[in-house]
Amino acid sequence: VRRHMAAAGLPPDEATISLEVRALVNAGDLDAAAETVAAAAARGMPARRRTFASLLEALCGAGRLSAAARIVVSMRRQRIPPGEELLVSLASLCAKAAARGALAELAQAAGRGGASRPAAAAA
């Protein structure tokens, strides 16, 4: 897709980057997915939660918690809250990976109050 966009003179957008990251994650190439996210951020491309979600989940599932924490810090710098649903998913994956202290590391990276609370707002 990216080659076709480049041939047409179209720069990649957030949706394209998100799809590319998801494809790289599905192929098991987490390092290339992280590099894609970092390169997009370096170009100043606006990102959304979906840009990071599949990579974060894969990193936590693989027990690569320091890398996941760096992604969460990057999200905070871009003012993208991880959201309650993603944090719950990450906590579950960290627990399955038997990662002691992983939840604390991710919570510290996310910052206190960084998650949205739609369920609490509805109550």
Foldseek 3Di string as FASTA:
>chain_A
DCVVCVVVVHHDAQVNLLVVLLVCVVVVNLVVSLVSVVVCVVVVHQYALSNCQSSLLSCLLVVVLVSSLVVLLVCVVSVHQNAPVSLVSSVVSNVVVVPPCSNVSNDVSNDPPSHDDPVVVVD
